[in-house]
Amino acid sequence: MQRFLTVSNALVLALIGLTSGVNSATAQPEISVCQPPSAGEYLLLVISPTPDKEHQLRRALPTELKTTTCRYLKDTVTRIGGFTRLEDANRWARYVNDVVGLKGIITTRPRDVGSTNPTANYKPQRLGNGFAVLVDYYNHPEVATQVQQVVGGDVGFVSYGQRPYLLAVYTTNQKEAYNTLQKLSEQGFFAILVDSRRVVLLRSVVHLQ
């Protein structure tokens, strides 16, 4: 009986030691929130579902690219920055998708758009249920003022389908969304109506400096 108790105690201690080792090995430092883009910079944010995929992504990228691991919304992503042209960011997004099989989100902060303290206002969040009317501003920030005049209110800044857009209206009223879309189209804007759940709000109000 004494021998059985001794073996059992040893087994329990061994299991405790293994469990402690696993907990220590899996302990991860807290990941910081992604830094916002600089004015005129395009960011490629790639969501890695597993550590293996993240390592595979890192191995596939050249060392000269500026990459960091950070938190975007509720996801851990690889932040690839330093792009000054949307075409370059799109090219690397296609490369990541073709080589590693991961999709990325492209976000930016246009030059001369935003407050003097963009970091404090940079709180990306997905829109809820409803409809969003987006306007392609073609890298011309002054378009925001023109859109404001048409819709008669503030204009936001969003990311949709890996591209930045101006948010003309976000509503649960389908008729209101269609009316706004028609009004913008009649004024010559390239406007689209999309499911707002697929839109990431980067800034609720665009201020021109």
N, C-alpha and C. Protein backbone atom coordinates (compact mmCIF):
# COMPACT_ATOMS: atom_id res chain seq x y z
N MET A 1 0.83 -1.20 0.00
CA MET A 1 0.00 0.00 0.00
C MET A 1 0.86 1.24 0.00
N GLN A 2 1.94 1.21 0.80
CA GLN A 2 2.82 2.37 0.88
C GLN A 2 3.48 2.63 -0.46
N ARG A 3 3.86 1.52 -1.13
CA ARG A 3 4.51 1.68 -2.44
C ARG A 3 3.54 2.29 -3.44
N PHE A 4 2.28 1.86 -3.40
CA PHE A 4 1.28 2.40 -4.32
C PHE A 4 1.08 3.90 -4.12
N LEU A 5 1.02 4.30 -2.83
CA LEU A 5 0.84 5.72 -2.53
C LEU A 5 2.05 6.53 -3.02
N THR A 6 3.23 5.94 -2.86
CA THR A 6 4.45 6.65 -3.27
C THR A 6 4.48 6.84 -4.78
N VAL A 7 4.11 5.78 -5.52
CA VAL A 7 4.10 5.87 -6.98
C VAL A 7 3.04 6.86 -7.45
N SER A 8 1.86 6.80 -6.80
CA SER A 8 0.78 7.72 -7.16
C SER A 8 1.19 9.17 -6.92
N ASN A 9 1.82 9.43 -5.77
CA ASN A 9 2.27 10.80 -5.48
C ASN A 9 3.30 11.27 -6.49
N ALA A 10 4.18 10.37 -6.85
CA ALA A 10 5.20 10.74 -7.83
C ALA A 10 4.57 11.06 -9.18
N LEU A 11 3.53 10.26 -9.53
CA LEU A 11 2.85 10.49 -10.81
C LEU A 11 2.14 11.84 -10.81
N VAL A 12 1.47 12.16 -9.68
CA VAL A 12 0.80 13.46 -9.58
C VAL A 12 1.78 14.60 -9.70
N LEU A 13 2.92 14.48 -9.01
CA LEU A 13 3.93 15.53 -9.08
C LEU A 13 4.48 15.68 -10.51
N ALA A 14 4.63 14.54 -11.18
CA ALA A 14 5.13 14.60 -12.56
C ALA A 14 4.13 15.30 -13.46
N LEU A 15 2.83 14.99 -13.28
CA LEU A 15 1.79 15.63 -14.09
C LEU A 15 1.74 17.13 -13.83
N ILE A 16 1.88 17.52 -12.54
CA ILE A 16 1.89 18.94 -12.21
C ILE A 16 3.06 19.64 -12.87
N GLY A 17 4.23 18.96 -12.84
CA GLY A 17 5.41 19.54 -13.47
C GLY A 17 5.23 19.71 -14.97
N LEU A 18 4.62 18.71 -15.64
CA LEU A 18 4.39 18.81 -17.08
C LEU A 18 3.41 19.91 -17.40
N THR A 19 2.33 20.01 -16.58
CA THR A 19 1.34 21.06 -16.80
C THR A 19 1.95 22.44 -16.64
N SER A 20 2.78 22.60 -15.64
CA SER A 20 3.44 23.90 -15.42
C SER A 20 4.34 24.24 -16.59
N GLY A 21 5.03 23.19 -17.11
CA GLY A 21 5.91 23.45 -18.24
C GLY A 21 5.15 23.88 -19.47
N VAL A 22 3.98 23.24 -19.70
CA VAL A 22 3.16 23.61 -20.85
C VAL A 22 2.64 25.03 -20.71
N ASN A 23 2.18 25.39 -19.51
CA ASN A 23 1.68 26.75 -19.29
C ASN A 23 2.76 27.78 -19.51
N SER A 24 3.98 27.48 -19.07
CA SER A 24 5.08 28.42 -19.25
C SER A 24 5.44 28.56 -20.71
N ALA A 25 5.37 27.41 -21.42
CA ALA A 25 5.77 27.44 -22.83
C ALA A 25 4.75 28.17 -23.68
N THR A 26 3.46 28.05 -23.29
CA THR A 26 2.42 28.66 -24.13
C THR A 26 2.10 30.09 -23.73
N ALA A 27 2.69 30.57 -22.64
CA ALA A 27 2.41 31.94 -22.22
C ALA A 27 2.90 32.91 -23.28
N GLN A 28 2.05 33.81 -23.71
CA GLN A 28 2.37 34.75 -24.77
C GLN A 28 2.31 36.19 -24.24
N PRO A 29 3.25 37.02 -24.63
CA PRO A 29 3.17 38.43 -24.22
C PRO A 29 1.99 39.10 -24.90
N GLU A 30 1.44 40.09 -24.28
CA GLU A 30 0.30 40.80 -24.84
C GLU A 30 0.71 41.53 -26.11
N ILE A 31 -0.11 41.39 -27.15
CA ILE A 31 0.19 41.99 -28.43
C ILE A 31 -0.41 43.40 -28.48
N SER A 32 0.39 44.36 -28.88
CA SER A 32 -0.06 45.75 -28.89
C SER A 32 -0.96 46.03 -30.09
N VAL A 33 -1.74 47.10 -29.99
CA VAL A 33 -2.63 47.51 -31.07
C VAL A 33 -1.80 48.04 -32.24
N CYS A 34 -2.25 47.76 -33.45
CA CYS A 34 -1.52 48.20 -34.64
C CYS A 34 -1.42 49.73 -34.69
N GLN A 35 -0.26 50.22 -35.05
CA GLN A 35 -0.08 51.65 -35.22
C GLN A 35 -0.78 52.11 -36.49
N PRO A 36 -1.39 53.28 -36.48
CA PRO A 36 -2.09 53.78 -37.67
C PRO A 36 -1.10 54.14 -38.78
N PRO A 37 -1.58 54.21 -40.01
CA PRO A 37 -0.69 54.61 -41.11
C PRO A 37 -0.34 56.08 -41.03
N SER A 38 0.80 56.42 -41.58
CA SER A 38 1.17 57.82 -41.71
C SER A 38 0.38 58.43 -42.85
N ALA A 39 0.37 59.74 -42.94
CA ALA A 39 -0.35 60.41 -44.02
C ALA A 39 0.22 59.97 -45.37
N GLY A 40 -0.64 59.48 -46.24
CA GLY A 40 -0.19 59.04 -47.56
C GLY A 40 0.38 57.64 -47.60
N GLU A 41 0.41 56.94 -46.45
CA GLU A 41 0.96 55.59 -46.41
C GLU A 41 -0.17 54.56 -46.54
N TYR A 42 0.10 53.46 -47.23
CA TYR A 42 -0.84 52.35 -47.33
C TYR A 42 -0.32 51.18 -46.51
N LEU A 43 -1.19 50.60 -45.70
CA LEU A 43 -0.85 49.45 -44.87
C LEU A 43 -1.53 48.21 -45.41
N LEU A 44 -0.80 47.11 -45.37
CA LEU A 44 -1.37 45.80 -45.69
C LEU A 44 -1.41 45.01 -44.39
N LEU A 45 -2.62 44.67 -43.94
CA LEU A 45 -2.81 43.92 -42.71
C LEU A 45 -3.27 42.51 -43.07
N VAL A 46 -2.46 41.52 -42.71
CA VAL A 46 -2.74 40.13 -43.08
C VAL A 46 -3.09 39.34 -41.82
N ILE A 47 -4.30 38.78 -41.81
CA ILE A 47 -4.74 37.98 -40.66
C ILE A 47 -4.18 36.57 -40.79
N SER A 48 -3.46 36.12 -39.76
CA SER A 48 -2.88 34.78 -39.74
C SER A 48 -3.66 33.91 -38.76
N PRO A 49 -4.42 32.92 -39.25
CA PRO A 49 -5.26 32.12 -38.36
C PRO A 49 -4.50 31.23 -37.41
N THR A 50 -3.26 30.86 -37.76
CA THR A 50 -2.45 29.99 -36.90
C THR A 50 -1.01 30.51 -36.86
N PRO A 51 -0.25 30.16 -35.80
CA PRO A 51 1.17 30.55 -35.74
C PRO A 51 1.96 30.00 -36.92
N ASP A 52 1.62 28.80 -37.38
CA ASP A 52 2.32 28.23 -38.53
C ASP A 52 2.15 29.09 -39.77
N LYS A 53 0.92 29.56 -39.99
CA LYS A 53 0.66 30.43 -41.14
C LYS A 53 1.43 31.74 -41.02
N GLU A 54 1.52 32.26 -39.79
CA GLU A 54 2.26 33.51 -39.58
C GLU A 54 3.74 33.31 -39.90
N HIS A 55 4.31 32.19 -39.44
CA HIS A 55 5.73 31.91 -39.74
C HIS A 55 5.93 31.70 -41.24
N GLN A 56 4.97 31.03 -41.87
CA GLN A 56 5.06 30.82 -43.31
C GLN A 56 5.02 32.15 -44.05
N LEU A 57 4.17 33.06 -43.57
CA LEU A 57 4.09 34.39 -44.18
C LEU A 57 5.40 35.14 -44.01
N ARG A 58 5.97 35.11 -42.80
CA ARG A 58 7.22 35.82 -42.55
C ARG A 58 8.35 35.29 -43.45
N ARG A 59 8.37 33.97 -43.66
CA ARG A 59 9.42 33.39 -44.51
C ARG A 59 9.25 33.79 -45.97
N ALA A 60 7.99 34.04 -46.37
CA ALA A 60 7.72 34.37 -47.77
C ALA A 60 8.00 35.84 -48.09
N LEU A 61 8.09 36.69 -47.06
CA LEU A 61 8.28 38.12 -47.29
C LEU A 61 9.76 38.49 -47.23
N PRO A 62 10.20 39.38 -48.10
CA PRO A 62 11.60 39.83 -48.05
C PRO A 62 11.87 40.65 -46.79
N THR A 63 13.09 40.61 -46.32
CA THR A 63 13.44 41.27 -45.06
C THR A 63 13.35 42.78 -45.14
N GLU A 64 13.40 43.35 -46.34
CA GLU A 64 13.36 44.82 -46.45
C GLU A 64 11.97 45.39 -46.19
N LEU A 65 10.93 44.55 -46.23
CA LEU A 65 9.59 45.03 -45.92
C LEU A 65 9.46 45.27 -44.42
N LYS A 66 8.72 46.33 -44.07
CA LYS A 66 8.52 46.67 -42.66
C LYS A 66 7.35 45.86 -42.11
N THR A 67 7.64 44.80 -41.35
CA THR A 67 6.59 43.93 -40.83
C THR A 67 6.63 43.88 -39.30
N THR A 68 5.45 43.88 -38.70
CA THR A 68 5.31 43.71 -37.25
C THR A 68 4.03 42.90 -37.00
N THR A 69 3.99 42.27 -35.83
CA THR A 69 2.79 41.57 -35.40
C THR A 69 2.04 42.45 -34.42
N CYS A 70 0.74 42.67 -34.67
CA CYS A 70 -0.03 43.56 -33.81
C CYS A 70 -1.49 43.16 -33.83
N ARG A 71 -2.31 43.87 -33.07
CA ARG A 71 -3.73 43.56 -32.95
C ARG A 71 -4.55 44.59 -33.73
N TYR A 72 -5.41 44.09 -34.63
CA TYR A 72 -6.29 44.95 -35.43
C TYR A 72 -7.71 44.47 -35.20
N LEU A 73 -8.55 45.36 -34.63
CA LEU A 73 -9.88 44.95 -34.18
C LEU A 73 -9.71 43.80 -33.20
N LYS A 74 -10.26 42.62 -33.50
CA LYS A 74 -10.13 41.48 -32.59
C LYS A 74 -9.16 40.43 -33.11
N ASP A 75 -8.44 40.77 -34.18
CA ASP A 75 -7.56 39.79 -34.82
C ASP A 75 -6.09 40.13 -34.60
N THR A 76 -5.26 39.10 -34.56
CA THR A 76 -3.82 39.27 -34.58
C THR A 76 -3.38 39.25 -36.04
N VAL A 77 -2.67 40.28 -36.46
CA VAL A 77 -2.32 40.42 -37.87
C VAL A 77 -0.83 40.69 -38.03
N THR A 78 -0.36 40.48 -39.23
CA THR A 78 0.98 40.92 -39.62
C THR A 78 0.82 42.24 -40.35
N ARG A 79 1.41 43.28 -39.79
CA ARG A 79 1.29 44.64 -40.35
C ARG A 79 2.46 44.88 -41.30
N ILE A 80 2.15 45.12 -42.56
CA ILE A 80 3.17 45.39 -43.58
C ILE A 80 2.98 46.83 -44.05
N GLY A 81 3.91 47.69 -43.71
CA GLY A 81 3.76 49.11 -44.01
C GLY A 81 4.84 49.65 -44.92
N GLY A 82 4.77 50.97 -45.14
CA GLY A 82 5.78 51.64 -45.93
C GLY A 82 5.42 51.84 -47.39
N PHE A 83 4.22 51.42 -47.80
CA PHE A 83 3.82 51.60 -49.20
C PHE A 83 3.30 53.02 -49.42
N THR A 84 3.76 53.66 -50.47
CA THR A 84 3.30 55.01 -50.80
C THR A 84 2.32 55.01 -51.96
N ARG A 85 2.14 53.84 -52.60
CA ARG A 85 1.20 53.73 -53.72
C ARG A 85 0.26 52.56 -53.47
N LEU A 86 -1.02 52.77 -53.79
CA LEU A 86 -2.01 51.71 -53.63
C LEU A 86 -1.65 50.50 -54.50
N GLU A 87 -1.08 50.75 -55.67
CA GLU A 87 -0.73 49.66 -56.58
C GLU A 87 0.28 48.71 -55.94
N ASP A 88 1.25 49.27 -55.19
CA ASP A 88 2.26 48.43 -54.53
C ASP A 88 1.63 47.57 -53.44
N ALA A 89 0.75 48.20 -52.66
CA ALA A 89 0.08 47.45 -51.59
C ALA A 89 -0.78 46.34 -52.18
N ASN A 90 -1.49 46.63 -53.27
CA ASN A 90 -2.31 45.61 -53.93
C ASN A 90 -1.46 44.47 -54.50
N ARG A 91 -0.30 44.84 -55.01
CA ARG A 91 0.59 43.82 -55.59
C ARG A 91 1.07 42.84 -54.52
N TRP A 92 1.43 43.38 -53.34
CA TRP A 92 1.88 42.51 -52.26
C TRP A 92 0.72 41.73 -51.66
N ALA A 93 -0.48 42.31 -51.68
CA ALA A 93 -1.66 41.57 -51.21
C ALA A 93 -1.91 40.36 -52.09
N ARG A 94 -1.77 40.53 -53.41
CA ARG A 94 -1.94 39.40 -54.34
C ARG A 94 -0.84 38.37 -54.13
N TYR A 95 0.38 38.84 -53.90
CA TYR A 95 1.51 37.93 -53.67
C TYR A 95 1.26 37.07 -52.43
N VAL A 96 0.83 37.70 -51.34
CA VAL A 96 0.56 36.98 -50.09
C VAL A 96 -0.55 35.95 -50.30
N ASN A 97 -1.57 36.33 -51.06
CA ASN A 97 -2.68 35.41 -51.32
C ASN A 97 -2.24 34.23 -52.18
N ASP A 98 -1.41 34.50 -53.19
CA ASP A 98 -0.97 33.45 -54.10
C ASP A 98 0.03 32.49 -53.44
N VAL A 99 0.95 33.04 -52.64
CA VAL A 99 2.03 32.23 -52.08
C VAL A 99 1.63 31.54 -50.77
N VAL A 100 0.95 32.27 -49.89
CA VAL A 100 0.64 31.75 -48.56
C VAL A 100 -0.84 31.39 -48.42
N GLY A 101 -1.68 31.93 -49.30
CA GLY A 101 -3.11 31.64 -49.22
C GLY A 101 -3.84 32.46 -48.18
N LEU A 102 -3.28 33.62 -47.82
CA LEU A 102 -3.89 34.49 -46.82
C LEU A 102 -4.37 35.78 -47.49
N LYS A 103 -5.49 36.27 -47.02
CA LYS A 103 -6.03 37.52 -47.56
C LYS A 103 -5.66 38.68 -46.63
N GLY A 104 -5.48 39.85 -47.22
CA GLY A 104 -5.10 41.03 -46.45
C GLY A 104 -6.10 42.16 -46.59
N ILE A 105 -6.01 43.11 -45.68
CA ILE A 105 -6.83 44.32 -45.70
C ILE A 105 -5.90 45.50 -45.93
N ILE A 106 -6.23 46.34 -46.90
CA ILE A 106 -5.43 47.53 -47.16
C ILE A 106 -6.14 48.74 -46.57
N THR A 107 -5.43 49.49 -45.78
CA THR A 107 -5.98 50.70 -45.19
C THR A 107 -4.98 51.84 -45.33
N THR A 108 -5.45 53.06 -45.25
CA THR A 108 -4.58 54.21 -45.44
C THR A 108 -5.16 55.43 -44.73
N ARG A 109 -4.36 56.47 -44.66
CA ARG A 109 -4.84 57.79 -44.24
C ARG A 109 -4.33 58.77 -45.28
N PRO A 110 -5.23 59.29 -46.12
CA PRO A 110 -4.79 60.17 -47.21
C PRO A 110 -4.05 61.40 -46.70
N ARG A 111 -3.21 61.93 -47.53
CA ARG A 111 -2.52 63.18 -47.19
C ARG A 111 -3.54 64.30 -47.02
N ASP A 112 -3.32 65.12 -46.01
CA ASP A 112 -4.15 66.29 -45.73
C ASP A 112 -5.56 65.94 -45.27
N VAL A 113 -5.82 64.66 -44.96
CA VAL A 113 -7.12 64.29 -44.43
C VAL A 113 -6.93 63.76 -43.02
N GLY A 114 -7.75 64.24 -42.09
CA GLY A 114 -7.66 63.79 -40.71
C GLY A 114 -7.31 64.92 -39.79
N SER A 115 -7.40 64.68 -38.50
CA SER A 115 -7.08 65.70 -37.52
C SER A 115 -5.59 65.80 -37.32
N THR A 116 -5.15 66.75 -36.50
CA THR A 116 -3.73 66.92 -36.24
C THR A 116 -3.23 65.84 -35.30
N ASN A 117 -4.12 65.02 -34.73
CA ASN A 117 -3.72 63.94 -33.85
C ASN A 117 -4.42 62.66 -34.30
N PRO A 118 -3.96 62.08 -35.44
CA PRO A 118 -4.68 60.95 -36.01
C PRO A 118 -4.66 59.72 -35.13
N THR A 119 -3.61 59.51 -34.35
CA THR A 119 -3.51 58.30 -33.54
C THR A 119 -4.67 58.22 -32.55
N ALA A 120 -5.02 59.32 -31.96
CA ALA A 120 -6.10 59.32 -30.96
C ALA A 120 -7.45 59.03 -31.58
N ASN A 121 -7.61 59.37 -32.87
CA ASN A 121 -8.89 59.17 -33.54
C ASN A 121 -8.94 57.87 -34.32
N TYR A 122 -7.85 57.13 -34.34
CA TYR A 122 -7.78 55.92 -35.15
C TYR A 122 -8.32 54.74 -34.36
N LYS A 123 -9.63 54.51 -34.46
CA LYS A 123 -10.27 53.41 -33.74
C LYS A 123 -11.13 52.62 -34.72
N PRO A 124 -10.50 51.77 -35.52
CA PRO A 124 -11.25 51.04 -36.55
C PRO A 124 -12.26 50.10 -35.93
N GLN A 125 -13.44 50.04 -36.55
CA GLN A 125 -14.48 49.12 -36.10
C GLN A 125 -15.40 48.79 -37.26
N ARG A 126 -15.93 47.60 -37.26
CA ARG A 126 -16.85 47.20 -38.32
C ARG A 126 -18.22 47.84 -38.10
N LEU A 127 -18.85 48.23 -39.20
CA LEU A 127 -20.20 48.74 -39.12
C LEU A 127 -21.17 47.58 -38.87
N GLY A 128 -22.34 47.90 -38.36
CA GLY A 128 -23.33 46.87 -38.08
C GLY A 128 -24.22 46.58 -39.28
N ASN A 129 -25.38 45.99 -39.02
CA ASN A 129 -26.31 45.66 -40.09
C ASN A 129 -26.81 46.93 -40.77
N GLY A 130 -27.04 46.83 -42.07
CA GLY A 130 -27.58 47.98 -42.79
C GLY A 130 -26.93 48.14 -44.15
N PHE A 131 -26.95 49.38 -44.63
CA PHE A 131 -26.44 49.71 -45.95
C PHE A 131 -25.45 50.87 -45.84
N ALA A 132 -24.41 50.79 -46.64
CA ALA A 132 -23.41 51.87 -46.67
C ALA A 132 -23.22 52.33 -48.11
N VAL A 133 -23.25 53.63 -48.30
CA VAL A 133 -22.97 54.21 -49.62
C VAL A 133 -21.57 54.78 -49.58
N LEU A 134 -20.70 54.23 -50.43
CA LEU A 134 -19.29 54.60 -50.44
C LEU A 134 -18.94 55.36 -51.71
N VAL A 135 -17.97 56.26 -51.59
CA VAL A 135 -17.53 57.06 -52.73
C VAL A 135 -16.03 56.90 -52.91
N ASP A 136 -15.62 56.55 -54.11
CA ASP A 136 -14.19 56.46 -54.43
C ASP A 136 -13.68 57.88 -54.68
N TYR A 137 -12.71 58.30 -53.87
CA TYR A 137 -12.22 59.68 -53.99
C TYR A 137 -10.95 59.80 -54.82
N TYR A 138 -10.44 58.66 -55.33
CA TYR A 138 -9.30 58.65 -56.25
C TYR A 138 -8.11 59.46 -55.73
N ASN A 139 -7.85 59.33 -54.44
CA ASN A 139 -6.69 60.01 -53.81
C ASN A 139 -6.77 61.53 -53.90
N HIS A 140 -7.98 62.07 -54.00
CA HIS A 140 -8.17 63.52 -54.00
C HIS A 140 -9.01 63.88 -52.77
N PRO A 141 -8.37 64.27 -51.65
CA PRO A 141 -9.07 64.53 -50.39
C PRO A 141 -10.17 65.58 -50.51
N GLU A 142 -10.01 66.52 -51.45
CA GLU A 142 -11.00 67.59 -51.57
C GLU A 142 -12.38 67.06 -51.99
N VAL A 143 -12.42 65.83 -52.48
CA VAL A 143 -13.70 65.23 -52.84
C VAL A 143 -14.61 65.11 -51.62
N ALA A 144 -14.02 64.96 -50.43
CA ALA A 144 -14.82 64.83 -49.21
C ALA A 144 -15.73 66.04 -49.02
N THR A 145 -15.21 67.24 -49.27
CA THR A 145 -16.01 68.45 -49.14
C THR A 145 -17.17 68.46 -50.12
N GLN A 146 -16.93 68.00 -51.34
CA GLN A 146 -17.98 67.96 -52.36
C GLN A 146 -19.07 66.96 -51.98
N VAL A 147 -18.65 65.81 -51.43
CA VAL A 147 -19.63 64.80 -51.01
C VAL A 147 -20.45 65.33 -49.84
N GLN A 148 -19.82 66.04 -48.93
CA GLN A 148 -20.54 66.63 -47.79
C GLN A 148 -21.65 67.57 -48.27
N GLN A 149 -21.34 68.33 -49.31
CA GLN A 149 -22.33 69.27 -49.84
C GLN A 149 -23.53 68.54 -50.46
N VAL A 150 -23.27 67.39 -51.07
CA VAL A 150 -24.34 66.64 -51.72
C VAL A 150 -25.24 65.96 -50.68
N VAL A 151 -24.61 65.32 -49.67
CA VAL A 151 -25.41 64.57 -48.69
C VAL A 151 -25.90 65.45 -47.56
N GLY A 152 -25.36 66.66 -47.44
CA GLY A 152 -25.80 67.58 -46.41
C GLY A 152 -25.42 67.16 -45.00
N GLY A 153 -24.25 66.54 -44.86
CA GLY A 153 -23.80 66.11 -43.53
C GLY A 153 -22.35 65.66 -43.56
N ASP A 154 -21.89 65.13 -42.42
CA ASP A 154 -20.51 64.69 -42.31
C ASP A 154 -20.24 63.46 -43.17
N VAL A 155 -19.00 63.32 -43.57
CA VAL A 155 -18.56 62.18 -44.37
C VAL A 155 -17.48 61.44 -43.60
N GLY A 156 -17.57 60.13 -43.57
CA GLY A 156 -16.59 59.31 -42.86
C GLY A 156 -15.54 58.74 -43.79
N PHE A 157 -14.63 57.96 -43.20
CA PHE A 157 -13.53 57.35 -43.95
C PHE A 157 -13.50 55.88 -43.59
N VAL A 158 -13.57 54.99 -44.59
CA VAL A 158 -13.72 53.56 -44.34
C VAL A 158 -12.80 52.74 -45.24
N SER A 159 -12.74 51.44 -44.91
CA SER A 159 -12.03 50.47 -45.76
C SER A 159 -13.04 49.41 -46.19
N TYR A 160 -13.04 49.09 -47.49
CA TYR A 160 -13.96 48.08 -48.02
C TYR A 160 -13.27 47.36 -49.17
N GLY A 161 -13.24 46.03 -49.10
CA GLY A 161 -12.63 45.26 -50.18
C GLY A 161 -11.19 45.62 -50.42
N GLN A 162 -10.44 45.86 -49.33
CA GLN A 162 -9.01 46.18 -49.39
C GLN A 162 -8.72 47.54 -49.99
N ARG A 163 -9.75 48.43 -50.01
CA ARG A 163 -9.53 49.76 -50.57
C ARG A 163 -10.17 50.81 -49.67
N PRO A 164 -9.60 52.04 -49.64
CA PRO A 164 -10.20 53.12 -48.85
C PRO A 164 -11.29 53.84 -49.62
N TYR A 165 -12.34 54.24 -48.90
CA TYR A 165 -13.46 54.98 -49.49
C TYR A 165 -13.94 56.06 -48.52
N LEU A 166 -14.67 57.02 -49.07
CA LEU A 166 -15.41 57.95 -48.24
C LEU A 166 -16.78 57.33 -47.93
N LEU A 167 -17.22 57.48 -46.71
CA LEU A 167 -18.53 56.96 -46.30
C LEU A 167 -19.54 58.09 -46.39
N ALA A 168 -20.41 58.02 -47.41
CA ALA A 168 -21.41 59.07 -47.61
C ALA A 168 -22.58 58.91 -46.66
N VAL A 169 -23.04 57.67 -46.47
CA VAL A 169 -24.15 57.43 -45.54
C VAL A 169 -24.10 55.98 -45.06
N TYR A 170 -24.48 55.78 -43.82
CA TYR A 170 -24.65 54.45 -43.24
C TYR A 170 -26.03 54.42 -42.60
N THR A 171 -26.89 53.52 -43.07
CA THR A 171 -28.28 53.53 -42.62
C THR A 171 -28.87 52.13 -42.70
N THR A 172 -29.93 51.90 -41.94
CA THR A 172 -30.69 50.65 -42.04
C THR A 172 -31.88 50.81 -42.97
N ASN A 173 -32.07 52.03 -43.47
CA ASN A 173 -33.19 52.33 -44.37
C ASN A 173 -32.72 52.17 -45.82
N GLN A 174 -33.22 51.11 -46.46
CA GLN A 174 -32.77 50.82 -47.82
C GLN A 174 -33.14 51.94 -48.80
N LYS A 175 -34.32 52.51 -48.64
CA LYS A 175 -34.75 53.58 -49.54
C LYS A 175 -33.84 54.80 -49.42
N GLU A 176 -33.47 55.14 -48.17
CA GLU A 176 -32.56 56.27 -47.96
C GLU A 176 -31.22 56.02 -48.63
N ALA A 177 -30.73 54.78 -48.52
CA ALA A 177 -29.45 54.43 -49.12
C ALA A 177 -29.51 54.57 -50.65
N TYR A 178 -30.58 54.07 -51.25
CA TYR A 178 -30.73 54.15 -52.70
C TYR A 178 -30.86 55.60 -53.16
N ASN A 179 -31.60 56.40 -52.42
CA ASN A 179 -31.75 57.81 -52.79
C ASN A 179 -30.41 58.54 -52.76
N THR A 180 -29.61 58.25 -51.73
CA THR A 180 -28.28 58.87 -51.64
C THR A 180 -27.39 58.41 -52.77
N LEU A 181 -27.45 57.11 -53.09
CA LEU A 181 -26.66 56.57 -54.19
C LEU A 181 -27.02 57.26 -55.50
N GLN A 182 -28.30 57.41 -55.75
CA GLN A 182 -28.76 58.05 -56.98
C GLN A 182 -28.33 59.51 -57.04
N LYS A 183 -28.44 60.20 -55.92
CA LYS A 183 -28.08 61.61 -55.87
C LYS A 183 -26.58 61.81 -56.18
N LEU A 184 -25.74 60.95 -55.58
CA LEU A 184 -24.30 61.06 -55.82
C LEU A 184 -23.95 60.70 -57.26
N SER A 185 -24.59 59.67 -57.78
CA SER A 185 -24.32 59.25 -59.16
C SER A 185 -24.70 60.34 -60.15
N GLU A 186 -25.82 61.01 -59.89
CA GLU A 186 -26.26 62.10 -60.77
C GLU A 186 -25.29 63.27 -60.76
N GLN A 187 -24.55 63.42 -59.65
CA GLN A 187 -23.57 64.50 -59.54
C GLN A 187 -22.20 64.10 -60.08
N GLY A 188 -22.11 62.89 -60.62
CA GLY A 188 -20.86 62.46 -61.25
C GLY A 188 -19.88 61.73 -60.35
N PHE A 189 -20.29 61.36 -59.14
CA PHE A 189 -19.41 60.62 -58.24
C PHE A 189 -19.48 59.13 -58.54
N PHE A 190 -18.37 58.43 -58.31
CA PHE A 190 -18.38 56.97 -58.42
C PHE A 190 -18.79 56.42 -57.06
N ALA A 191 -20.07 56.13 -56.91
CA ALA A 191 -20.62 55.68 -55.63
C ALA A 191 -21.12 54.26 -55.75
N ILE A 192 -21.00 53.50 -54.65
CA ILE A 192 -21.47 52.12 -54.62
C ILE A 192 -22.27 51.89 -53.35
N LEU A 193 -23.22 50.97 -53.43
CA LEU A 193 -24.04 50.59 -52.28
C LEU A 193 -23.63 49.19 -51.85
N VAL A 194 -23.24 49.03 -50.58
CA VAL A 194 -22.71 47.74 -50.12
C VAL A 194 -23.33 47.35 -48.79
N ASP A 195 -23.15 46.09 -48.44
CA ASP A 195 -23.55 45.58 -47.13
C ASP A 195 -22.64 46.19 -46.08
N SER A 196 -23.20 46.96 -45.16
CA SER A 196 -22.37 47.70 -44.20
C SER A 196 -21.57 46.81 -43.26
N ARG A 197 -21.97 45.54 -43.13
CA ARG A 197 -21.24 44.63 -42.25
C ARG A 197 -19.85 44.31 -42.78
N ARG A 198 -19.62 44.59 -44.05
CA ARG A 198 -18.32 44.31 -44.67
C ARG A 198 -17.44 45.56 -44.72
N VAL A 199 -17.90 46.61 -44.07
CA VAL A 199 -17.18 47.89 -44.10
C VAL A 199 -16.51 48.14 -42.74
N VAL A 200 -15.26 48.55 -42.77
CA VAL A 200 -14.53 48.89 -41.54
C VAL A 200 -14.42 50.42 -41.45
N LEU A 201 -14.99 50.96 -40.38
CA LEU A 201 -14.95 52.41 -40.17
C LEU A 201 -13.60 52.81 -39.59
N LEU A 202 -12.87 53.66 -40.31
CA LEU A 202 -11.57 54.13 -39.84
C LEU A 202 -11.67 55.47 -39.14
N ARG A 203 -12.57 56.32 -39.62
CA ARG A 203 -12.79 57.63 -38.98
C ARG A 203 -14.22 58.07 -39.27
N SER A 204 -14.95 58.44 -38.23
CA SER A 204 -16.36 58.76 -38.39
C SER A 204 -16.57 60.08 -39.13
N VAL A 205 -15.64 61.02 -38.99
CA VAL A 205 -15.75 62.32 -39.65
C VAL A 205 -14.41 62.68 -40.28
N VAL A 206 -14.44 63.07 -41.52
CA VAL A 206 -13.22 63.51 -42.22
C VAL A 206 -13.12 65.02 -42.11
N HIS A 207 -11.97 65.48 -41.61
CA HIS A 207 -11.72 66.92 -41.50
C HIS A 207 -10.57 67.28 -42.45
N LEU A 208 -10.81 68.24 -43.31
CA LEU A 208 -9.74 68.72 -44.20
C LEU A 208 -8.94 69.78 -43.47
N GLN A 209 -7.61 69.64 -43.54
CA GLN A 209 -6.75 70.63 -42.87
C GLN A 209 -6.59 71.87 -43.74
